[in-house]
Amino acid sequence: MEASEAAVTGRYYARELRRRVTHYVEKRRRGYRDHGSLERAAERILADRAARGFEAGGHFRGVWPRDLAFAAPGLVARGYGDAVAETGDWIVDQLLAGDVFYTDFHDRYHAATPAAGVDTFPAVVRLLDECGRLEARADAIAELAARHRERFVADSGLVTGAGSAWWDSAVRPRETYNTAMLLAAVERLERRGIETPLTGESEAIRDALNSRWNGHYFDEHGRSNRRGLVGGPGGGSSVLACDANVVPLYLGVVDDDRAAAVVDALECLETPNGLCMRERPFSHAAVHPFFLLHRDYHYHVWPWNCLMYAVGLRRYGYEERARREIGRVRRLLAPYGNFLEVCTLEGEPYVKRGYASAEDFTVAAALWAEYHDGSSA
């Protein structure tokens, strides 16, 4: 990491630590805001975010392209397409003005966690396409595609960039998640006839994604078999994880046979309070120092991950499984009247060791809207 990027990242974590502790103290004292029904909570949260630029929610004060990309279908369905387009254009302009794929955009500064936003470019493609601005920003997208390809994409089509993207706590790159995100973006660009340096590479990227298939589900990174690690840079992991499997389902980038296998595999992660994020928490060595006290942060139940799962299940025809997952989310969140960032396996807000779940979480409210408005594009 260059000194300038290290300084940006260091300042980011200092700011986040202050916000995190302040938020933790507030939630310990006052609890979470209750909007009433979840439908009312979704209406209020989305209206507020559309008016204020789509900050992620709670103590996350910036705009995360990844979150906004997953939120875009629900926001557009609720009539906020113009606001999404305005924010998307602003993000693109900020990216063009610099050389870093930021993951967290603020008025006065931007940040990348931990060093570069591997999923920022595919997220921008998705959110612009959802709000009808992709063709209008075609030249900018082509430039950003060139940067992304040079920085993060191997000759094989596998996305191997150093940034952890989805799991900002994890040390190892999330190869499968990042490759699935890029595949979905490139397929959208090809369908729209938008020429970029990635045009014509969707099949190679798909082959790279499928190289992480272990016969039952997608590995997080590398490859594995029952005897140990084989192939992949620096080894691999066969831990069943949602970023590598729920996201491809949600994006619709896997064939029906693999989708069926993934759905079968993920059933073991279903809990009475929703789908948990991983088969087991990260080890101490697998997380950045900032997350050592919260290795289980990306292990418990994330309502927005559950909602993505429900949309993905419905996309592939698993209507009853989708309804059951939505029922779990409803039972989990209804007592709080809010869309929380993360809850424990026991069904309580994640509040421990100086960290408290965010509230009014934009992407969760938008995914709730997407599911109930019937969109799965």
Protein backbone atom coordinates (compact mmCIF):
# COMPACT_ATOMS: atom_id res chain seq x y z
CA MET A 1 0.00 0.00 0.00
CA GLU A 2 1.36 3.44 -0.91
CA ALA A 3 1.95 5.95 1.87
CA SER A 4 -0.88 8.21 0.70
CA GLU A 5 -3.36 5.31 0.62
CA ALA A 6 -2.16 4.13 4.03
CA ALA A 7 -2.73 7.62 5.42
CA VAL A 8 -6.25 7.76 3.96
CA THR A 9 -7.07 4.35 5.38
CA GLY A 10 -5.61 5.24 8.77
CA ARG A 11 -7.68 8.40 8.99
CA TYR A 12 -10.74 6.44 7.93
CA TYR A 13 -10.36 3.90 10.71
CA ALA A 14 -9.72 6.65 13.27
CA ARG A 15 -12.96 8.36 12.28
CA GLU A 16 -14.85 5.06 12.25
CA LEU A 17 -13.54 4.13 15.70
CA ARG A 18 -14.82 7.41 17.16
CA ARG A 19 -18.21 6.95 15.50
CA ARG A 20 -18.36 3.31 16.53
CA VAL A 21 -17.74 3.99 20.22
CA THR A 22 -20.12 6.97 20.31
CA HIS A 23 -22.84 4.89 18.66
CA TYR A 24 -22.19 1.98 21.03
CA VAL A 25 -22.63 4.19 24.09
CA GLU A 26 -25.82 5.70 22.68
CA LYS A 27 -27.37 2.31 21.90
CA ARG A 28 -26.44 0.98 25.33
CA ARG A 29 -28.22 3.92 26.92
CA ARG A 30 -31.21 4.48 24.67
CA GLY A 31 -31.72 1.39 22.53
CA TYR A 32 -32.95 1.49 18.94
CA ARG A 33 -35.45 3.79 17.23
CA ASP A 34 -38.84 2.11 16.76
CA HIS A 35 -40.71 3.19 13.61
CA GLY A 36 -43.64 0.86 14.20
CA SER A 37 -44.28 -1.70 11.47
CA LEU A 38 -41.46 -2.77 9.16
CA GLU A 39 -43.32 -1.38 6.17
CA ARG A 40 -43.52 2.01 7.87
CA ALA A 41 -39.85 1.73 8.81
CA ALA A 42 -38.93 1.04 5.17
CA GLU A 43 -40.98 4.01 3.95
CA ARG A 44 -39.41 6.41 6.45
CA ILE A 45 -35.84 5.20 5.98
CA LEU A 46 -35.93 5.27 2.19
CA ALA A 47 -37.60 8.69 2.04
CA ASP A 48 -35.03 10.10 4.46
CA ARG A 49 -32.10 8.60 2.54
CA ALA A 50 -33.38 9.85 -0.81
CA ALA A 51 -33.52 13.35 0.63
CA ARG A 52 -30.04 13.16 2.14
CA GLY A 53 -27.94 11.28 -0.42
CA PHE A 54 -28.21 7.62 0.62
CA GLU A 55 -25.83 7.32 3.54
CA ALA A 56 -25.50 3.68 4.58
CA GLY A 57 -27.24 4.14 7.92
CA GLY A 58 -26.58 4.44 11.65
CA HIS A 59 -23.00 5.41 12.41
CA PHE A 60 -22.05 4.78 8.76
CA ARG A 61 -22.40 8.35 7.51
CA GLY A 62 -21.07 7.90 3.98
CA VAL A 63 -22.46 6.50 0.74
CA TRP A 64 -21.24 2.96 0.00
CA PRO A 65 -21.53 2.11 -3.73
CA ARG A 66 -21.93 -1.59 -2.89
CA ASP A 67 -24.86 -0.92 -0.57
CA LEU A 68 -26.47 1.52 -2.98
CA ALA A 69 -26.11 -0.95 -5.84
CA PHE A 70 -27.97 -3.63 -3.90
CA ALA A 71 -30.50 -1.05 -2.71
CA ALA A 72 -31.14 0.42 -6.16
CA PRO A 73 -33.93 -1.94 -7.38
CA GLY A 74 -35.99 -1.34 -4.24
CA LEU A 75 -35.36 2.40 -4.31
CA VAL A 76 -36.35 2.66 -7.98
CA ALA A 77 -39.46 0.58 -7.31
CA ARG A 78 -40.47 3.05 -4.59
CA GLY A 79 -40.05 6.06 -6.88
CA TYR A 80 -36.55 7.24 -5.95
CA GLY A 81 -34.86 6.55 -9.30
CA ASP A 82 -33.95 10.20 -9.95
CA ALA A 83 -32.28 10.50 -6.55
CA VAL A 84 -30.33 7.28 -7.15
CA ALA A 85 -29.24 8.59 -10.55
CA GLU A 86 -28.06 11.88 -9.06
CA THR A 87 -26.01 10.08 -6.41
CA GLY A 88 -24.65 7.62 -8.98
CA ASP A 89 -23.48 10.45 -11.22
CA TRP A 90 -21.80 12.10 -8.23
CA ILE A 91 -19.96 8.88 -7.33
CA VAL A 92 -18.73 8.46 -10.91
CA ASP A 93 -17.45 12.05 -10.96
CA GLN A 94 -15.59 11.51 -7.69
CA LEU A 95 -13.96 8.34 -9.05
CA LEU A 96 -12.90 10.05 -12.27
CA ALA A 97 -11.32 12.88 -10.29
CA GLY A 98 -8.90 10.54 -8.51
CA ASP A 99 -7.14 7.21 -8.85
CA VAL A 100 -8.61 5.24 -5.94
CA PHE A 101 -11.69 3.05 -6.03
CA TYR A 102 -13.21 4.43 -2.86
CA THR A 103 -15.73 2.40 -0.90
CA ASP A 104 -17.10 5.15 1.34
CA PHE A 105 -18.00 8.59 -0.04
CA HIS A 106 -18.47 11.70 2.11
CA ASP A 107 -18.84 15.37 1.26
CA ARG A 108 -15.44 16.33 2.67
CA TYR A 109 -13.45 13.12 2.19
CA HIS A 110 -13.65 9.65 0.70
CA ALA A 111 -12.12 6.42 1.98
CA ALA A 112 -11.24 2.94 0.87
CA THR A 113 -11.33 -0.04 3.18
CA PRO A 114 -8.88 -1.51 3.77
CA ALA A 115 -6.93 -0.18 0.77
CA ALA A 116 -9.02 -0.29 -2.38
CA GLY A 117 -12.63 -0.89 -3.31
CA VAL A 118 -12.55 -4.03 -5.41
CA ASP A 119 -16.33 -4.08 -5.76
CA THR A 120 -16.80 -0.35 -6.40
CA PHE A 121 -16.71 -0.51 -10.20
CA PRO A 122 -19.20 -3.38 -10.59
CA ALA A 123 -21.42 -1.73 -7.99
CA VAL A 124 -21.44 1.52 -9.96
CA VAL A 125 -22.40 -0.36 -13.13
CA ARG A 126 -25.33 -1.98 -11.37
CA LEU A 127 -26.67 1.16 -9.72
CA LEU A 128 -26.40 3.24 -12.90
CA ASP A 129 -28.14 0.53 -14.90
CA GLU A 130 -30.97 0.21 -12.38
CA CYS A 131 -31.74 3.93 -12.60
CA GLY A 132 -31.32 4.21 -16.38
CA ARG A 133 -28.04 6.17 -16.43
CA LEU A 134 -25.61 3.54 -17.71
CA GLU A 135 -25.68 4.54 -21.39
CA ALA A 136 -25.38 8.23 -20.52
CA ARG A 137 -22.15 7.56 -18.58
CA ALA A 138 -20.73 5.03 -21.06
CA ASP A 139 -17.42 6.89 -21.61
CA ALA A 140 -16.80 7.21 -17.89
CA ILE A 141 -17.66 3.55 -17.34
CA ALA A 142 -15.20 2.52 -20.06
CA GLU A 143 -12.44 4.47 -18.32
CA LEU A 144 -13.26 3.00 -14.93
CA ALA A 145 -13.43 -0.49 -16.46
CA ALA A 146 -9.88 -0.08 -17.76
CA ARG A 147 -8.63 0.93 -14.32
CA HIS A 148 -10.49 -1.90 -12.62
CA ARG A 149 -9.20 -4.50 -15.07
CA GLU A 150 -5.59 -3.36 -14.73
CA ARG A 151 -5.70 -3.20 -10.95
CA PHE A 152 -7.81 -6.15 -9.89
CA VAL A 153 -8.41 -8.71 -12.67
CA ALA A 154 -6.02 -11.57 -13.39
CA ASP A 155 -5.46 -12.86 -16.92
CA SER A 156 -7.71 -15.80 -16.02
CA GLY A 157 -10.63 -13.44 -15.33
CA LEU A 158 -10.49 -14.02 -11.57
CA VAL A 159 -10.74 -10.88 -9.46
CA THR A 160 -7.78 -11.12 -7.08
CA GLY A 161 -7.41 -7.54 -5.86
CA ALA A 162 -6.04 -6.86 -2.40
CA GLY A 163 -9.12 -5.05 -1.09
CA SER A 164 -11.49 -7.27 0.85
CA ALA A 165 -14.64 -5.57 -0.40
CA TRP A 166 -17.75 -7.20 1.13
CA TRP A 167 -15.95 -8.44 4.26
CA ASP A 168 -13.91 -5.40 5.26
CA SER A 169 -12.85 -7.36 8.35
CA ALA A 170 -11.12 -10.14 6.36
CA VAL A 171 -7.46 -10.25 5.41
CA ARG A 172 -7.81 -12.51 2.38
CA PRO A 173 -9.45 -11.11 -0.76
CA ARG A 174 -13.00 -12.31 -1.37
CA GLU A 175 -12.21 -13.77 -4.78
CA THR A 176 -15.52 -15.49 -5.43
CA TYR A 177 -17.70 -12.57 -4.33
CA ASN A 178 -15.63 -10.06 -6.28
CA THR A 179 -15.61 -12.22 -9.41
CA ALA A 180 -19.39 -12.73 -9.24
CA MET A 181 -19.87 -8.97 -8.92
CA LEU A 182 -17.66 -8.32 -11.95
CA LEU A 183 -19.42 -11.01 -14.00
CA ALA A 184 -22.82 -9.46 -13.32
CA ALA A 185 -21.50 -6.02 -14.28
CA VAL A 186 -19.83 -7.17 -17.50
CA GLU A 187 -22.93 -9.09 -18.57
CA ARG A 188 -25.02 -5.94 -18.04
CA LEU A 189 -22.58 -3.89 -20.10
CA GLU A 190 -22.57 -6.45 -22.89
CA ARG A 191 -26.38 -6.61 -22.94
CA ARG A 192 -26.50 -2.81 -23.24
CA GLY A 193 -23.93 -2.82 -26.04
CA ILE A 194 -21.52 -0.60 -24.08
CA GLU A 195 -17.92 -1.12 -25.20
CA THR A 196 -15.28 -1.32 -22.47
CA PRO A 197 -11.90 -3.08 -22.10
CA LEU A 198 -13.90 -5.91 -20.51
CA THR A 199 -16.20 -6.43 -23.49
CA GLY A 200 -16.22 -10.05 -24.61
CA GLU A 201 -14.66 -11.32 -21.39
CA SER A 202 -17.81 -12.47 -19.59
CA GLU A 203 -17.22 -16.14 -20.45
CA ALA A 204 -13.66 -16.02 -19.13
CA ILE A 205 -14.88 -14.36 -15.94
CA ARG A 206 -17.61 -16.99 -15.62
CA ASP A 207 -15.00 -19.75 -16.01
CA ALA A 208 -12.94 -18.07 -13.30
CA LEU A 209 -15.97 -17.96 -11.01
CA ASN A 210 -16.70 -21.63 -11.69
CA SER A 211 -13.09 -22.50 -10.82
CA ARG A 212 -14.06 -21.76 -7.22
CA TRP A 213 -16.84 -24.37 -7.31
CA ASN A 214 -16.11 -27.31 -4.99
CA GLY A 215 -18.91 -29.56 -6.20
CA HIS A 216 -21.45 -28.36 -3.63
CA TYR A 217 -21.03 -24.58 -3.36
CA PHE A 218 -18.56 -21.80 -4.12
CA ASP A 219 -15.45 -21.53 -1.96
CA GLU A 220 -14.62 -18.09 -0.61
CA HIS A 221 -11.21 -18.10 -2.28
CA GLY A 222 -8.72 -20.65 -3.54
CA ARG A 223 -9.82 -24.24 -3.95
CA SER A 224 -10.10 -27.14 -1.55
CA ASN A 225 -10.86 -30.81 -1.27
CA ARG A 226 -11.17 -33.22 1.61
CA ARG A 227 -7.39 -33.65 1.82
CA GLY A 228 -6.59 -29.97 2.14
CA LEU A 229 -5.86 -26.95 0.03
CA VAL A 230 -5.04 -27.29 -3.63
CA GLY A 231 -4.70 -24.60 -6.23
CA GLY A 232 -5.44 -20.92 -5.91
CA PRO A 233 -2.97 -18.27 -4.80
CA GLY A 234 -1.91 -18.82 -1.22
CA GLY A 235 -4.28 -21.70 -0.51
CA GLY A 236 -8.02 -21.53 -0.16
CA SER A 237 -11.04 -22.01 2.05
CA SER A 238 -13.94 -24.44 1.93
CA VAL A 239 -15.87 -22.65 4.70
CA LEU A 240 -19.45 -22.13 3.53
CA ALA A 241 -19.94 -18.36 3.36
CA CYS A 242 -22.75 -16.15 2.14
CA ASP A 243 -20.69 -13.63 0.20
CA ALA A 244 -19.55 -16.43 -2.11
CA ASN A 245 -22.99 -18.02 -2.49
CA VAL A 246 -25.90 -15.71 -1.63
CA VAL A 247 -24.57 -12.94 -3.86
CA PRO A 248 -24.34 -15.11 -7.01
CA LEU A 249 -27.90 -16.29 -6.33
CA TYR A 250 -29.13 -12.74 -5.90
CA LEU A 251 -27.33 -11.55 -9.03
CA GLY A 252 -28.56 -14.51 -11.06
CA VAL A 253 -25.12 -15.42 -12.44
CA VAL A 254 -25.24 -19.19 -11.80
CA ASP A 255 -27.00 -21.88 -13.81
CA ASP A 256 -29.98 -23.76 -12.40
CA ASP A 257 -28.01 -26.85 -11.38
CA ARG A 258 -25.44 -24.91 -9.40
CA ALA A 259 -28.17 -22.73 -7.93
CA ALA A 260 -29.95 -25.86 -6.68
CA ALA A 261 -26.74 -27.13 -5.07
CA VAL A 262 -26.07 -23.75 -3.43
CA VAL A 263 -29.61 -23.61 -2.05
CA ASP A 264 -29.19 -27.11 -0.61
CA ALA A 265 -25.86 -26.15 0.97
CA LEU A 266 -27.11 -22.89 2.47
CA GLU A 267 -29.93 -24.65 4.26
CA CYS A 268 -27.47 -25.57 7.03
CA LEU A 269 -26.91 -21.84 7.69
CA GLU A 270 -30.61 -21.14 8.21
CA THR A 271 -31.43 -20.38 11.84
CA PRO A 272 -34.75 -19.52 13.51
CA ASN A 273 -33.71 -15.86 13.19
CA GLY A 274 -32.51 -15.91 9.61
CA LEU A 275 -29.52 -17.01 7.58
CA CYS A 276 -26.19 -16.64 9.38
CA MET A 277 -23.29 -15.29 7.36
CA ARG A 278 -20.70 -18.05 7.64
CA GLU A 279 -20.29 -21.62 8.77
CA ARG A 280 -17.99 -20.39 11.52
CA PRO A 281 -16.38 -17.10 12.59
CA PHE A 282 -13.07 -15.93 11.18
CA SER A 283 -9.91 -16.92 13.03
CA HIS A 284 -7.72 -14.27 14.69
CA ALA A 285 -5.25 -14.50 11.82
CA ALA A 286 -7.98 -14.02 9.21
CA VAL A 287 -9.11 -10.53 10.28
CA HIS A 288 -7.53 -7.11 10.30
CA PRO A 289 -6.44 -5.80 13.72
CA PHE A 290 -9.36 -3.33 13.76
CA PHE A 291 -11.74 -6.32 14.00
CA LEU A 292 -9.91 -8.57 16.46
CA LEU A 293 -12.55 -7.96 19.14
CA HIS A 294 -15.33 -8.68 16.65
CA ARG A 295 -14.24 -11.74 14.70
CA ASP A 296 -17.86 -12.89 14.81
CA TYR A 297 -19.15 -9.63 13.27
CA HIS A 298 -19.37 -11.30 9.86
CA TYR A 299 -20.73 -14.55 11.32
CA HIS A 300 -24.08 -13.70 12.89
CA VAL A 301 -27.37 -12.81 11.15
CA TRP A 302 -27.37 -9.83 8.81
CA PRO A 303 -30.96 -8.99 7.85
CA TRP A 304 -29.96 -7.52 4.51
CA ASN A 305 -28.08 -10.71 3.65
CA CYS A 306 -31.24 -12.66 4.56
CA LEU A 307 -33.29 -10.43 2.27
CA MET A 308 -30.83 -10.90 -0.59
CA TYR A 309 -31.13 -14.64 0.01
CA ALA A 310 -34.92 -14.44 -0.19
CA VAL A 311 -34.78 -12.50 -3.47
CA GLY A 312 -32.26 -15.01 -4.86
CA LEU A 313 -34.38 -17.96 -3.79
CA ARG A 314 -37.39 -16.49 -5.53
CA ARG A 315 -35.36 -15.75 -8.65
CA TYR A 316 -34.60 -19.46 -9.03
CA GLY A 317 -38.12 -20.62 -8.21
CA TYR A 318 -37.77 -21.48 -4.50
CA GLU A 319 -40.85 -19.50 -3.50
CA GLU A 320 -41.63 -21.36 -0.28
CA ARG A 321 -38.04 -21.15 0.97
CA ALA A 322 -38.08 -17.44 0.18
CA ARG A 323 -41.30 -16.89 2.12
CA ARG A 324 -39.88 -18.73 5.11
CA GLU A 325 -36.78 -16.55 5.13
CA ILE A 326 -38.88 -13.39 4.91
CA GLY A 327 -40.95 -14.68 7.84
CA ARG A 328 -37.78 -15.13 9.89
CA VAL A 329 -36.63 -11.59 9.09
CA ARG A 330 -40.04 -10.22 10.02
CA ARG A 331 -40.03 -12.02 13.39
CA LEU A 332 -36.45 -10.92 14.01
CA LEU A 333 -36.94 -7.20 13.32
CA ALA A 334 -40.59 -6.58 14.18
CA PRO A 335 -39.90 -6.15 17.94
CA TYR A 336 -37.51 -3.30 17.10
CA GLY A 337 -39.53 -1.60 14.34
CA ASN A 338 -36.31 -0.95 12.46
CA PHE A 339 -33.97 -2.41 9.87
CA LEU A 340 -30.83 -3.28 11.81
CA GLU A 341 -27.42 -3.97 10.35
CA VAL A 342 -26.59 -7.16 12.26
CA CYS A 343 -28.22 -9.33 14.93
CA THR A 344 -26.92 -12.21 17.01
CA LEU A 345 -27.89 -15.81 16.38
CA GLU A 346 -30.16 -15.45 19.41
CA GLY A 347 -32.13 -12.71 17.67
CA GLU A 348 -30.91 -9.62 19.51
CA PRO A 349 -29.12 -6.56 18.11
CA TYR A 350 -25.37 -7.13 17.94
CA VAL A 351 -24.10 -4.95 20.81
CA LYS A 352 -20.83 -6.10 22.30
CA ARG A 353 -17.26 -5.06 23.12
CA GLY A 354 -17.58 -1.46 21.89
CA TYR A 355 -19.61 -2.13 18.76
CA ALA A 356 -23.37 -1.78 18.28
CA SER A 357 -25.34 -2.66 15.17
CA ALA A 358 -26.31 0.26 12.99
CA GLU A 359 -30.00 1.14 12.72
CA ASP A 360 -32.07 2.57 9.84
CA PHE A 361 -29.91 0.47 7.52
CA THR A 362 -30.63 1.69 4.00
CA VAL A 363 -29.83 -1.43 2.01
CA ALA A 364 -31.94 -3.65 4.29
CA ALA A 365 -34.96 -1.36 3.95
CA ALA A 366 -34.50 -1.24 0.17
CA LEU A 367 -34.16 -5.01 -0.17
CA TRP A 368 -37.36 -5.37 1.87
CA ALA A 369 -39.01 -3.07 -0.68
CA GLU A 370 -37.52 -5.02 -3.59
CA TYR A 371 -38.86 -8.32 -2.29
CA HIS A 372 -42.33 -7.04 -1.53
CA ASP A 373 -42.61 -5.09 -4.77
CA GLY A 374 -41.77 -8.24 -6.71
CA SER A 375 -38.60 -7.05 -8.46
CA SER A 376 -35.81 -9.50 -9.17
CA ALA A 377 -34.11 -7.89 -12.16
